[in-house]
Amino acid sequence: MQEAKAQLSLLLRRVAADEEVVIRRGRERVAVLIRVKDDGVKRQILGRPRRIHGGGLRRDAERLRALRVRRLLLDTSVAVWLLLGDRERVSPSAVHALEDPSNDVALSAASVWEIAVKRSLGKVTLPDRWTVALRGLGFDPMPVTAIHSAAVERLPWHHRDPFDRLLVAQASVERCALVTADRHLAMYSVETLW
C-alpha cells in the first residue's frame, strides 16, 4: 500500500508540472492524467459541466437509469470551429446535442492529426498551445485502433478524404453519431447529426 501511495505521489507531481501522464495496462491506454486548474468556480463548456459533484448520485439513481446516453463523435471541422470560438457555424441541433449532459462526446485522434497537418501546411491558423485548448473543451479522446483502421477498407468510396473516411469507420465501429456539416458523410451507413 505504501508503495502504491509513493507511485501515485510521483505521478501527481509530474501532472502538477503540466506533464500529461498516460497509464497503460499492457499496450492498452487505460487513463490519461492531466492538470486541471481549479479555482473553485464551476465551469461550463458548451453548457457541459466540467466537474460533477457526487453528492446526490445514490438519491438520483432511478433518474440516472432512465437517461439514454447517446455517443457522439466530432468531425474535425466542428472541433476547429469550437476551438476558434466560432460557435455560430455549428447548427443549433448539433449545439443542443453537444450541450446535453446525457451525451458522451468524443474527439478522435484522427481529428487531432488532421488539425496538426493542416496547421503545418498553413491551412488552419490556431495558437501554439491549441492542443491544450482542445483538451480544455472537455471532450473524451478517442484513439485510433487497428480495428478502426481496418474498417476503412470496407467503406464505399463516397468520399476520398482519408481523415473523413477514418472518422466514418470509427463512428461505425464505436456506434457513434458523427457530428458533421459535411453532407457527403451522410451517404455512409452511419448516423450523422447536424
N, C-alpha and C. Protein backbone atom coordinates (compact mmCIF):
# COMPACT_ATOMS: atom_id res chain seq x y z
N MET A 1 0.82 -1.19 0.00
CA MET A 1 0.00 0.00 0.00
C MET A 1 0.86 1.26 0.00
N GLN A 2 1.92 1.24 0.79
CA GLN A 2 2.82 2.39 0.89
C GLN A 2 3.48 2.65 -0.47
N GLU A 3 3.85 1.58 -1.17
CA GLU A 3 4.49 1.72 -2.48
C GLU A 3 3.52 2.35 -3.49
N ALA A 4 2.25 1.93 -3.44
CA ALA A 4 1.24 2.49 -4.34
C ALA A 4 1.06 3.98 -4.08
N LYS A 5 1.05 4.38 -2.82
CA LYS A 5 0.91 5.80 -2.48
C LYS A 5 2.11 6.59 -2.99
N ALA A 6 3.29 6.01 -2.87
CA ALA A 6 4.51 6.68 -3.35
C ALA A 6 4.46 6.85 -4.87
N GLN A 7 4.01 5.80 -5.58
CA GLN A 7 3.90 5.88 -7.04
C GLN A 7 2.88 6.94 -7.45
N LEU A 8 1.74 6.96 -6.76
CA LEU A 8 0.71 7.95 -7.06
C LEU A 8 1.23 9.37 -6.81
N SER A 9 1.98 9.53 -5.74
CA SER A 9 2.55 10.84 -5.42
C SER A 9 3.50 11.30 -6.53
N LEU A 10 4.31 10.39 -7.06
CA LEU A 10 5.21 10.73 -8.17
C LEU A 10 4.43 11.13 -9.42
N LEU A 11 3.37 10.38 -9.72
CA LEU A 11 2.56 10.70 -10.89
C LEU A 11 1.90 12.07 -10.74
N LEU A 12 1.41 12.36 -9.53
CA LEU A 12 0.76 13.64 -9.30
C LEU A 12 1.74 14.81 -9.41
N ARG A 13 2.98 14.59 -9.00
CA ARG A 13 4.00 15.64 -9.16
C ARG A 13 4.26 15.92 -10.63
N ARG A 14 4.31 14.86 -11.44
CA ARG A 14 4.52 15.04 -12.88
C ARG A 14 3.36 15.81 -13.51
N VAL A 15 2.14 15.47 -13.09
CA VAL A 15 0.95 16.16 -13.60
C VAL A 15 0.97 17.62 -13.17
N ALA A 16 1.36 17.88 -11.92
CA ALA A 16 1.42 19.26 -11.42
C ALA A 16 2.42 20.10 -12.20
N ALA A 17 3.42 19.43 -12.80
CA ALA A 17 4.42 20.13 -13.63
C ALA A 17 3.94 20.25 -15.08
N ASP A 18 2.61 20.11 -15.30
CA ASP A 18 1.99 20.21 -16.63
C ASP A 18 2.39 19.11 -17.59
N GLU A 19 2.79 17.96 -17.08
CA GLU A 19 3.09 16.81 -17.93
C GLU A 19 1.84 15.96 -18.05
N GLU A 20 1.55 15.49 -19.25
CA GLU A 20 0.43 14.57 -19.46
C GLU A 20 0.94 13.16 -19.17
N VAL A 21 0.31 12.47 -18.24
CA VAL A 21 0.75 11.13 -17.83
C VAL A 21 -0.23 10.11 -18.38
N VAL A 22 0.28 9.15 -19.15
CA VAL A 22 -0.55 8.09 -19.72
C VAL A 22 -0.34 6.82 -18.91
N ILE A 23 -1.43 6.22 -18.46
CA ILE A 23 -1.37 4.98 -17.70
C ILE A 23 -1.82 3.85 -18.61
N ARG A 24 -1.02 2.83 -18.69
CA ARG A 24 -1.29 1.71 -19.60
C ARG A 24 -1.41 0.40 -18.84
N ARG A 25 -2.22 -0.49 -19.37
CA ARG A 25 -2.28 -1.88 -18.92
C ARG A 25 -1.83 -2.70 -20.12
N GLY A 26 -0.60 -3.17 -20.07
CA GLY A 26 -0.01 -3.80 -21.25
C GLY A 26 0.22 -2.72 -22.29
N ARG A 27 -0.35 -2.89 -23.48
CA ARG A 27 -0.22 -1.89 -24.54
C ARG A 27 -1.43 -0.97 -24.61
N GLU A 28 -2.48 -1.30 -23.82
CA GLU A 28 -3.71 -0.53 -23.87
C GLU A 28 -3.64 0.68 -22.94
N ARG A 29 -4.02 1.85 -23.48
CA ARG A 29 -4.14 3.06 -22.66
C ARG A 29 -5.42 2.95 -21.85
N VAL A 30 -5.31 3.06 -20.54
CA VAL A 30 -6.50 2.97 -19.70
C VAL A 30 -6.85 4.31 -19.05
N ALA A 31 -5.89 5.23 -18.97
CA ALA A 31 -6.18 6.53 -18.37
C ALA A 31 -5.13 7.54 -18.79
N VAL A 32 -5.55 8.80 -18.79
CA VAL A 32 -4.64 9.91 -19.04
C VAL A 32 -4.85 10.91 -17.91
N LEU A 33 -3.76 11.28 -17.25
CA LEU A 33 -3.83 12.27 -16.18
C LEU A 33 -3.33 13.60 -16.71
N ILE A 34 -4.14 14.64 -16.56
CA ILE A 34 -3.74 15.98 -16.97
C ILE A 34 -4.04 16.94 -15.83
N ARG A 35 -3.32 18.03 -15.81
CA ARG A 35 -3.51 19.02 -14.76
C ARG A 35 -4.78 19.82 -15.02
N VAL A 36 -5.56 20.01 -13.99
CA VAL A 36 -6.76 20.82 -14.06
C VAL A 36 -6.55 22.01 -13.15
N LYS A 37 -6.67 23.19 -13.71
CA LYS A 37 -6.54 24.40 -12.89
C LYS A 37 -7.90 24.67 -12.28
N ASP A 38 -8.01 24.50 -10.98
CA ASP A 38 -9.28 24.62 -10.29
C ASP A 38 -9.24 25.82 -9.35
N ASP A 39 -10.06 26.81 -9.67
CA ASP A 39 -10.16 27.97 -8.80
C ASP A 39 -11.46 27.94 -8.00
N GLY A 40 -12.11 26.76 -7.98
CA GLY A 40 -13.34 26.61 -7.22
C GLY A 40 -14.58 27.03 -7.97
N VAL A 41 -14.42 27.56 -9.18
CA VAL A 41 -15.56 28.01 -9.97
C VAL A 41 -16.00 26.87 -10.87
N LYS A 42 -17.29 26.57 -10.86
CA LYS A 42 -17.82 25.53 -11.74
C LYS A 42 -17.89 26.09 -13.15
N ARG A 43 -17.17 25.46 -14.09
CA ARG A 43 -17.12 25.96 -15.45
C ARG A 43 -18.03 25.13 -16.34
N GLN A 44 -18.44 25.75 -17.44
CA GLN A 44 -19.22 25.02 -18.42
C GLN A 44 -18.61 25.26 -19.80
N ILE A 45 -18.53 24.19 -20.55
CA ILE A 45 -18.06 24.24 -21.92
C ILE A 45 -19.25 23.82 -22.78
N LEU A 46 -19.73 24.70 -23.61
CA LEU A 46 -20.92 24.44 -24.40
C LEU A 46 -22.07 23.97 -23.50
N GLY A 47 -22.12 24.48 -22.29
CA GLY A 47 -23.19 24.11 -21.38
C GLY A 47 -22.94 22.80 -20.65
N ARG A 48 -21.80 22.15 -20.87
CA ARG A 48 -21.50 20.87 -20.22
C ARG A 48 -20.67 21.14 -18.98
N PRO A 49 -21.12 20.69 -17.79
CA PRO A 49 -20.31 20.91 -16.59
C PRO A 49 -19.00 20.15 -16.67
N ARG A 50 -17.92 20.81 -16.30
CA ARG A 50 -16.62 20.16 -16.33
C ARG A 50 -16.38 19.33 -15.09
N ARG A 51 -17.10 19.61 -14.02
CA ARG A 51 -16.86 18.89 -12.78
C ARG A 51 -18.21 18.49 -12.21
N ILE A 52 -18.36 17.24 -11.87
CA ILE A 52 -19.62 16.75 -11.32
C ILE A 52 -19.42 16.50 -9.85
N HIS A 53 -20.31 17.03 -9.05
CA HIS A 53 -20.27 16.79 -7.61
C HIS A 53 -21.11 15.55 -7.34
N GLY A 54 -20.57 14.57 -6.62
CA GLY A 54 -21.23 13.29 -6.44
C GLY A 54 -22.22 13.23 -5.31
N GLY A 55 -22.57 14.35 -4.68
CA GLY A 55 -23.41 14.36 -3.51
C GLY A 55 -24.70 13.58 -3.61
N GLY A 56 -25.46 13.71 -4.69
CA GLY A 56 -26.77 13.09 -4.72
C GLY A 56 -26.91 11.94 -5.68
N LEU A 57 -25.82 11.30 -6.06
CA LEU A 57 -25.92 10.26 -7.08
C LEU A 57 -26.76 9.07 -6.63
N ARG A 58 -26.61 8.61 -5.42
CA ARG A 58 -27.43 7.48 -4.97
C ARG A 58 -28.90 7.86 -4.94
N ARG A 59 -29.19 9.06 -4.48
CA ARG A 59 -30.57 9.53 -4.39
C ARG A 59 -31.19 9.62 -5.80
N ASP A 60 -30.38 9.98 -6.79
CA ASP A 60 -30.89 10.15 -8.14
C ASP A 60 -30.68 8.93 -9.03
N ALA A 61 -30.40 7.77 -8.45
CA ALA A 61 -30.08 6.58 -9.23
C ALA A 61 -31.19 6.20 -10.20
N GLU A 62 -32.44 6.28 -9.76
CA GLU A 62 -33.56 5.92 -10.63
C GLU A 62 -33.62 6.85 -11.84
N ARG A 63 -33.45 8.14 -11.60
CA ARG A 63 -33.48 9.11 -12.69
C ARG A 63 -32.32 8.87 -13.65
N LEU A 64 -31.14 8.55 -13.10
CA LEU A 64 -29.97 8.31 -13.94
C LEU A 64 -30.15 7.07 -14.81
N ARG A 65 -30.79 6.03 -14.29
CA ARG A 65 -31.01 4.81 -15.08
C ARG A 65 -31.90 5.10 -16.28
N ALA A 66 -32.77 6.10 -16.15
CA ALA A 66 -33.70 6.41 -17.23
C ALA A 66 -33.05 7.22 -18.35
N LEU A 67 -31.85 7.78 -18.11
CA LEU A 67 -31.18 8.57 -19.14
C LEU A 67 -30.72 7.69 -20.29
N ARG A 68 -30.90 8.17 -21.49
CA ARG A 68 -30.39 7.45 -22.66
C ARG A 68 -29.12 8.17 -23.10
N VAL A 69 -28.02 7.49 -22.98
CA VAL A 69 -26.75 8.10 -23.36
C VAL A 69 -26.57 7.92 -24.86
N ARG A 70 -26.27 9.01 -25.52
CA ARG A 70 -26.00 8.99 -26.95
C ARG A 70 -24.53 9.26 -27.13
N ARG A 71 -23.87 8.47 -27.95
CA ARG A 71 -22.45 8.65 -28.20
C ARG A 71 -22.27 9.47 -29.47
N LEU A 72 -21.52 10.56 -29.36
CA LEU A 72 -21.29 11.46 -30.48
C LEU A 72 -19.79 11.53 -30.78
N LEU A 73 -19.45 11.63 -32.05
CA LEU A 73 -18.06 11.79 -32.49
C LEU A 73 -17.99 13.07 -33.32
N LEU A 74 -17.10 13.98 -32.94
CA LEU A 74 -16.98 15.26 -33.64
C LEU A 74 -16.21 15.12 -34.95
N ASP A 75 -16.71 15.75 -35.99
CA ASP A 75 -15.95 15.92 -37.22
C ASP A 75 -14.87 16.97 -36.94
N THR A 76 -13.78 16.91 -37.66
CA THR A 76 -12.66 17.82 -37.44
C THR A 76 -13.08 19.28 -37.60
N SER A 77 -13.89 19.58 -38.60
CA SER A 77 -14.31 20.97 -38.83
C SER A 77 -15.06 21.52 -37.62
N VAL A 78 -15.91 20.71 -37.03
CA VAL A 78 -16.67 21.15 -35.86
C VAL A 78 -15.71 21.44 -34.71
N ALA A 79 -14.72 20.56 -34.51
CA ALA A 79 -13.73 20.78 -33.45
C ALA A 79 -12.97 22.09 -33.68
N VAL A 80 -12.59 22.36 -34.92
CA VAL A 80 -11.86 23.60 -35.24
C VAL A 80 -12.74 24.82 -34.97
N TRP A 81 -14.01 24.77 -35.39
CA TRP A 81 -14.90 25.90 -35.15
C TRP A 81 -15.05 26.17 -33.65
N LEU A 82 -15.17 25.10 -32.86
CA LEU A 82 -15.30 25.27 -31.41
C LEU A 82 -14.00 25.81 -30.81
N LEU A 83 -12.86 25.35 -31.32
CA LEU A 83 -11.56 25.86 -30.86
C LEU A 83 -11.43 27.35 -31.14
N LEU A 84 -11.91 27.77 -32.28
CA LEU A 84 -11.81 29.17 -32.68
C LEU A 84 -12.89 30.03 -32.04
N GLY A 85 -13.79 29.40 -31.28
CA GLY A 85 -14.88 30.15 -30.67
C GLY A 85 -15.93 30.56 -31.68
N ASP A 86 -15.97 29.87 -32.82
CA ASP A 86 -16.89 30.19 -33.92
C ASP A 86 -18.14 29.31 -33.80
N ARG A 87 -18.79 29.41 -32.67
CA ARG A 87 -19.94 28.56 -32.36
C ARG A 87 -21.11 28.77 -33.32
N GLU A 88 -21.19 29.95 -33.93
CA GLU A 88 -22.29 30.25 -34.85
C GLU A 88 -22.28 29.33 -36.07
N ARG A 89 -21.12 28.78 -36.40
CA ARG A 89 -21.03 27.88 -37.56
C ARG A 89 -21.59 26.50 -37.26
N VAL A 90 -21.80 26.19 -35.98
CA VAL A 90 -22.33 24.89 -35.57
C VAL A 90 -23.85 25.01 -35.52
N SER A 91 -24.54 24.05 -36.12
CA SER A 91 -26.01 24.12 -36.19
C SER A 91 -26.63 24.09 -34.79
N PRO A 92 -27.81 24.68 -34.64
CA PRO A 92 -28.48 24.66 -33.33
C PRO A 92 -28.73 23.25 -32.81
N SER A 93 -29.10 22.31 -33.69
CA SER A 93 -29.36 20.94 -33.21
C SER A 93 -28.06 20.26 -32.77
N ALA A 94 -26.95 20.56 -33.44
CA ALA A 94 -25.67 20.00 -33.01
C ALA A 94 -25.24 20.60 -31.67
N VAL A 95 -25.41 21.92 -31.51
CA VAL A 95 -25.07 22.57 -30.24
C VAL A 95 -25.91 21.96 -29.12
N HIS A 96 -27.20 21.77 -29.38
CA HIS A 96 -28.08 21.18 -28.37
C HIS A 96 -27.59 19.79 -27.95
N ALA A 97 -27.20 18.96 -28.93
CA ALA A 97 -26.70 17.61 -28.63
C ALA A 97 -25.38 17.66 -27.87
N LEU A 98 -24.50 18.60 -28.24
CA LEU A 98 -23.21 18.72 -27.57
C LEU A 98 -23.37 19.22 -26.14
N GLU A 99 -24.38 20.05 -25.90
CA GLU A 99 -24.61 20.58 -24.56
C GLU A 99 -25.37 19.62 -23.66
N ASP A 100 -26.01 18.62 -24.24
CA ASP A 100 -26.82 17.68 -23.45
C ASP A 100 -25.89 16.84 -22.57
N PRO A 101 -25.98 16.96 -21.24
CA PRO A 101 -25.06 16.24 -20.36
C PRO A 101 -25.25 14.72 -20.40
N SER A 102 -26.35 14.24 -20.97
CA SER A 102 -26.53 12.79 -21.05
C SER A 102 -25.81 12.19 -22.25
N ASN A 103 -25.25 13.02 -23.13
CA ASN A 103 -24.50 12.53 -24.29
C ASN A 103 -23.01 12.44 -23.97
N ASP A 104 -22.36 11.41 -24.50
CA ASP A 104 -20.91 11.28 -24.44
C ASP A 104 -20.37 11.83 -25.76
N VAL A 105 -19.48 12.80 -25.69
CA VAL A 105 -18.94 13.43 -26.90
C VAL A 105 -17.45 13.12 -27.00
N ALA A 106 -17.05 12.51 -28.12
CA ALA A 106 -15.66 12.10 -28.31
C ALA A 106 -15.02 12.90 -29.43
N LEU A 107 -13.71 13.05 -29.31
CA LEU A 107 -12.89 13.68 -30.34
C LEU A 107 -11.81 12.67 -30.72
N SER A 108 -11.75 12.34 -31.98
CA SER A 108 -10.82 11.32 -32.46
C SER A 108 -9.38 11.84 -32.55
N ALA A 109 -8.45 10.94 -32.29
CA ALA A 109 -7.03 11.25 -32.51
C ALA A 109 -6.80 11.59 -33.98
N ALA A 110 -7.64 11.04 -34.87
CA ALA A 110 -7.52 11.36 -36.30
C ALA A 110 -7.80 12.84 -36.54
N SER A 111 -8.72 13.43 -35.80
CA SER A 111 -9.00 14.86 -35.94
C SER A 111 -7.83 15.71 -35.45
N VAL A 112 -7.23 15.28 -34.35
CA VAL A 112 -6.05 15.99 -33.84
C VAL A 112 -4.93 15.93 -34.88
N TRP A 113 -4.74 14.77 -35.48
CA TRP A 113 -3.74 14.59 -36.53
C TRP A 113 -4.06 15.48 -37.73
N GLU A 114 -5.33 15.50 -38.15
CA GLU A 114 -5.72 16.33 -39.29
C GLU A 114 -5.48 17.81 -39.01
N ILE A 115 -5.84 18.26 -37.80
CA ILE A 115 -5.61 19.66 -37.44
C ILE A 115 -4.11 19.98 -37.49
N ALA A 116 -3.28 19.08 -36.95
CA ALA A 116 -1.83 19.29 -36.94
C ALA A 116 -1.29 19.38 -38.37
N VAL A 117 -1.77 18.50 -39.25
CA VAL A 117 -1.31 18.52 -40.65
C VAL A 117 -1.74 19.83 -41.32
N LYS A 118 -3.00 20.21 -41.15
CA LYS A 118 -3.49 21.43 -41.79
C LYS A 118 -2.81 22.67 -41.21
N ARG A 119 -2.53 22.64 -39.92
CA ARG A 119 -1.83 23.77 -39.30
C ARG A 119 -0.40 23.89 -39.86
N SER A 120 0.27 22.75 -40.01
CA SER A 120 1.65 22.78 -40.53
C SER A 120 1.70 23.23 -41.98
N LEU A 121 0.60 23.02 -42.72
CA LEU A 121 0.53 23.46 -44.12
C LEU A 121 0.01 24.90 -44.25
N GLY A 122 -0.35 25.51 -43.12
CA GLY A 122 -0.86 26.87 -43.14
C GLY A 122 -2.32 26.99 -43.55
N LYS A 123 -3.06 25.86 -43.56
CA LYS A 123 -4.47 25.89 -43.95
C LYS A 123 -5.39 26.25 -42.78
N VAL A 124 -4.88 26.12 -41.56
CA VAL A 124 -5.65 26.46 -40.36
C VAL A 124 -4.74 27.29 -39.46
N THR A 125 -5.25 28.39 -38.96
CA THR A 125 -4.48 29.23 -38.04
C THR A 125 -5.03 29.06 -36.64
N LEU A 126 -4.20 28.49 -35.78
CA LEU A 126 -4.54 28.28 -34.38
C LEU A 126 -3.35 28.69 -33.53
N PRO A 127 -3.59 29.06 -32.27
CA PRO A 127 -2.46 29.42 -31.40
C PRO A 127 -1.56 28.23 -31.13
N ASP A 128 -0.33 28.50 -30.69
CA ASP A 128 0.65 27.44 -30.47
C ASP A 128 0.17 26.38 -29.48
N ARG A 129 -0.54 26.75 -28.46
CA ARG A 129 -0.99 25.79 -27.45
C ARG A 129 -2.39 25.28 -27.75
N TRP A 130 -2.69 25.04 -29.03
CA TRP A 130 -4.03 24.63 -29.44
C TRP A 130 -4.41 23.27 -28.87
N THR A 131 -3.45 22.38 -28.65
CA THR A 131 -3.80 21.07 -28.10
C THR A 131 -4.30 21.19 -26.67
N VAL A 132 -3.72 22.13 -25.91
CA VAL A 132 -4.18 22.36 -24.54
C VAL A 132 -5.61 22.93 -24.57
N ALA A 133 -5.85 23.87 -25.48
CA ALA A 133 -7.20 24.45 -25.62
C ALA A 133 -8.20 23.39 -26.04
N LEU A 134 -7.78 22.48 -26.92
CA LEU A 134 -8.64 21.41 -27.37
C LEU A 134 -9.03 20.49 -26.21
N ARG A 135 -8.05 20.15 -25.39
CA ARG A 135 -8.32 19.34 -24.20
C ARG A 135 -9.28 20.06 -23.27
N GLY A 136 -9.15 21.38 -23.20
CA GLY A 136 -9.99 22.18 -22.34
C GLY A 136 -11.45 22.20 -22.74
N LEU A 137 -11.76 21.81 -23.98
CA LEU A 137 -13.15 21.75 -24.41
C LEU A 137 -13.90 20.63 -23.70
N GLY A 138 -13.18 19.68 -23.12
CA GLY A 138 -13.80 18.66 -22.29
C GLY A 138 -14.34 17.46 -23.02
N PHE A 139 -13.96 17.24 -24.26
CA PHE A 139 -14.44 16.07 -24.99
C PHE A 139 -13.57 14.85 -24.68
N ASP A 140 -14.16 13.67 -24.76
CA ASP A 140 -13.44 12.43 -24.48
C ASP A 140 -12.53 12.08 -25.66
N PRO A 141 -11.25 11.80 -25.41
CA PRO A 141 -10.38 11.41 -26.52
C PRO A 141 -10.71 10.01 -27.01
N MET A 142 -10.72 9.83 -28.33
CA MET A 142 -10.93 8.51 -28.93
C MET A 142 -9.69 8.15 -29.72
N PRO A 143 -8.94 7.14 -29.26
CA PRO A 143 -7.74 6.74 -30.01
C PRO A 143 -8.14 6.06 -31.32
N VAL A 144 -7.21 6.01 -32.25
CA VAL A 144 -7.40 5.26 -33.49
C VAL A 144 -6.80 3.88 -33.26
N THR A 145 -7.62 2.85 -33.42
CA THR A 145 -7.15 1.48 -33.21
C THR A 145 -6.98 0.77 -34.54
N ALA A 146 -6.38 -0.40 -34.50
CA ALA A 146 -6.23 -1.22 -35.70
C ALA A 146 -7.60 -1.61 -36.25
N ILE A 147 -8.57 -1.84 -35.38
CA ILE A 147 -9.92 -2.19 -35.82
C ILE A 147 -10.53 -1.03 -36.60
N HIS A 148 -10.36 0.19 -36.10
CA HIS A 148 -10.87 1.38 -36.82
C HIS A 148 -10.20 1.49 -38.19
N SER A 149 -8.89 1.34 -38.20
CA SER A 149 -8.14 1.49 -39.45
C SER A 149 -8.54 0.44 -40.48
N ALA A 150 -8.71 -0.81 -40.03
CA ALA A 150 -9.09 -1.88 -40.95
C ALA A 150 -10.51 -1.68 -41.49
N ALA A 151 -11.38 -1.06 -40.70
CA ALA A 151 -12.77 -0.83 -41.13
C ALA A 151 -12.85 0.13 -42.31
N VAL A 152 -11.83 0.96 -42.51
CA VAL A 152 -11.82 1.89 -43.65
C VAL A 152 -11.87 1.13 -44.97
N GLU A 153 -11.24 -0.03 -45.02
CA GLU A 153 -11.18 -0.83 -46.24
C GLU A 153 -12.57 -1.23 -46.74
N ARG A 154 -13.51 -1.44 -45.83
CA ARG A 154 -14.85 -1.89 -46.20
C ARG A 154 -15.79 -0.75 -46.61
N LEU A 155 -15.34 0.48 -46.49
CA LEU A 155 -16.20 1.62 -46.81
C LEU A 155 -16.29 1.84 -48.32
N PRO A 156 -17.48 2.16 -48.83
CA PRO A 156 -17.57 2.56 -50.24
C PRO A 156 -16.85 3.89 -50.44
N TRP A 157 -16.50 4.18 -51.68
CA TRP A 157 -15.71 5.37 -51.98
C TRP A 157 -16.58 6.59 -52.27
N HIS A 158 -17.50 6.91 -51.34
CA HIS A 158 -18.31 8.12 -51.47
C HIS A 158 -17.45 9.36 -51.27
N HIS A 159 -16.36 9.20 -50.55
CA HIS A 159 -15.54 10.33 -50.12
C HIS A 159 -14.08 9.91 -50.21
N ARG A 160 -13.20 10.79 -50.67
CA ARG A 160 -11.78 10.46 -50.86
C ARG A 160 -10.89 10.93 -49.71
N ASP A 161 -11.40 11.79 -48.84
CA ASP A 161 -10.58 12.35 -47.76
C ASP A 161 -10.26 11.24 -46.74
N PRO A 162 -8.97 10.91 -46.55
CA PRO A 162 -8.63 9.80 -45.65
C PRO A 162 -9.01 10.07 -44.19
N PHE A 163 -8.95 11.32 -43.76
CA PHE A 163 -9.33 11.64 -42.38
C PHE A 163 -10.83 11.42 -42.18
N ASP A 164 -11.63 11.89 -43.12
CA ASP A 164 -13.08 11.70 -43.01
C ASP A 164 -13.45 10.23 -43.08
N ARG A 165 -12.78 9.48 -43.94
CA ARG A 165 -13.07 8.04 -44.04
C ARG A 165 -12.75 7.34 -42.72
N LEU A 166 -11.67 7.74 -42.05
CA LEU A 166 -11.33 7.15 -40.77
C LEU A 166 -12.36 7.53 -39.70
N LEU A 167 -12.84 8.77 -39.72
CA LEU A 167 -13.88 9.18 -38.77
C LEU A 167 -15.17 8.38 -38.99
N VAL A 168 -15.53 8.14 -40.25
CA VAL A 168 -16.71 7.33 -40.55
C VAL A 168 -16.52 5.91 -40.03
N ALA A 169 -15.34 5.35 -40.25
CA ALA A 169 -15.06 3.99 -39.75
C ALA A 169 -15.15 3.95 -38.23
N GLN A 170 -14.60 4.95 -37.56
CA GLN A 170 -14.67 4.99 -36.10
C GLN A 170 -16.12 5.10 -35.62
N ALA A 171 -16.89 5.98 -36.26
CA ALA A 171 -18.30 6.14 -35.89
C ALA A 171 -19.06 4.83 -36.07
N SER A 172 -18.74 4.11 -37.13
CA SER A 172 -19.39 2.83 -37.40
C SER A 172 -19.01 1.78 -36.35
N VAL A 173 -17.73 1.62 -36.11
CA VAL A 173 -17.25 0.61 -35.16
C VAL A 173 -17.73 0.92 -33.75
N GLU A 174 -17.65 2.18 -33.35
CA GLU A 174 -17.99 2.58 -31.97
C GLU A 174 -19.47 2.91 -31.79
N ARG A 175 -20.24 2.83 -32.88
CA ARG A 175 -21.68 3.14 -32.85
C ARG A 175 -21.95 4.55 -32.32
N CYS A 176 -21.28 5.50 -32.93
CA CYS A 176 -21.44 6.91 -32.57
C CYS A 176 -22.16 7.63 -33.70
N ALA A 177 -22.88 8.68 -33.36
CA ALA A 177 -23.41 9.59 -34.37
C ALA A 177 -22.29 10.58 -34.69
N LEU A 178 -22.07 10.82 -35.96
CA LEU A 178 -21.00 11.72 -36.39
C LEU A 178 -21.57 13.14 -36.50
N VAL A 179 -21.03 14.05 -35.71
CA VAL A 179 -21.48 15.45 -35.73
C VAL A 179 -20.70 16.16 -36.83
N THR A 180 -21.37 16.42 -37.95
CA THR A 180 -20.68 16.96 -39.12
C THR A 180 -21.60 17.80 -39.98
N ALA A 181 -21.03 18.82 -40.60
CA ALA A 181 -21.75 19.63 -41.58
C ALA A 181 -21.55 19.10 -42.99
N ASP A 182 -20.69 18.10 -43.15
CA ASP A 182 -20.35 17.54 -44.45
C ASP A 182 -21.45 16.56 -44.90
N ARG A 183 -22.23 16.97 -45.88
CA ARG A 183 -23.35 16.14 -46.36
C ARG A 183 -22.86 14.86 -47.05
N HIS A 184 -21.64 14.85 -47.54
CA HIS A 184 -21.11 13.64 -48.18
C HIS A 184 -21.02 12.48 -47.19
N LEU A 185 -20.76 12.80 -45.93
CA LEU A 185 -20.59 11.74 -44.93
C LEU A 185 -21.92 11.07 -44.61
N ALA A 186 -23.04 11.73 -44.89
CA ALA A 186 -24.36 11.13 -44.67
C ALA A 186 -24.63 10.00 -45.66
N MET A 187 -23.83 9.91 -46.73
CA MET A 187 -24.02 8.84 -47.71
C MET A 187 -23.54 7.49 -47.16
N TYR A 188 -22.77 7.51 -46.09
CA TYR A 188 -22.32 6.27 -45.46
C TYR A 188 -23.39 5.76 -44.52
N SER A 189 -23.26 4.52 -44.12
CA SER A 189 -24.27 3.93 -43.23
C SER A 189 -23.96 4.20 -41.76
N VAL A 190 -23.68 5.46 -41.44
CA VAL A 190 -23.52 5.89 -40.05
C VAL A 190 -24.51 7.02 -39.80
N GLU A 191 -24.94 7.13 -38.57
CA GLU A 191 -25.83 8.23 -38.21
C GLU A 191 -25.04 9.52 -38.21
N THR A 192 -25.58 10.55 -38.83
CA THR A 192 -24.94 11.87 -38.78
C THR A 192 -25.91 12.84 -38.10
N LEU A 193 -25.32 13.86 -37.53
CA LEU A 193 -26.11 14.84 -36.79
C LEU A 193 -25.67 16.22 -37.25
N TRP A 194 -26.60 17.02 -37.68
CA TRP A 194 -26.33 18.42 -37.98
C TRP A 194 -27.61 19.20 -37.89
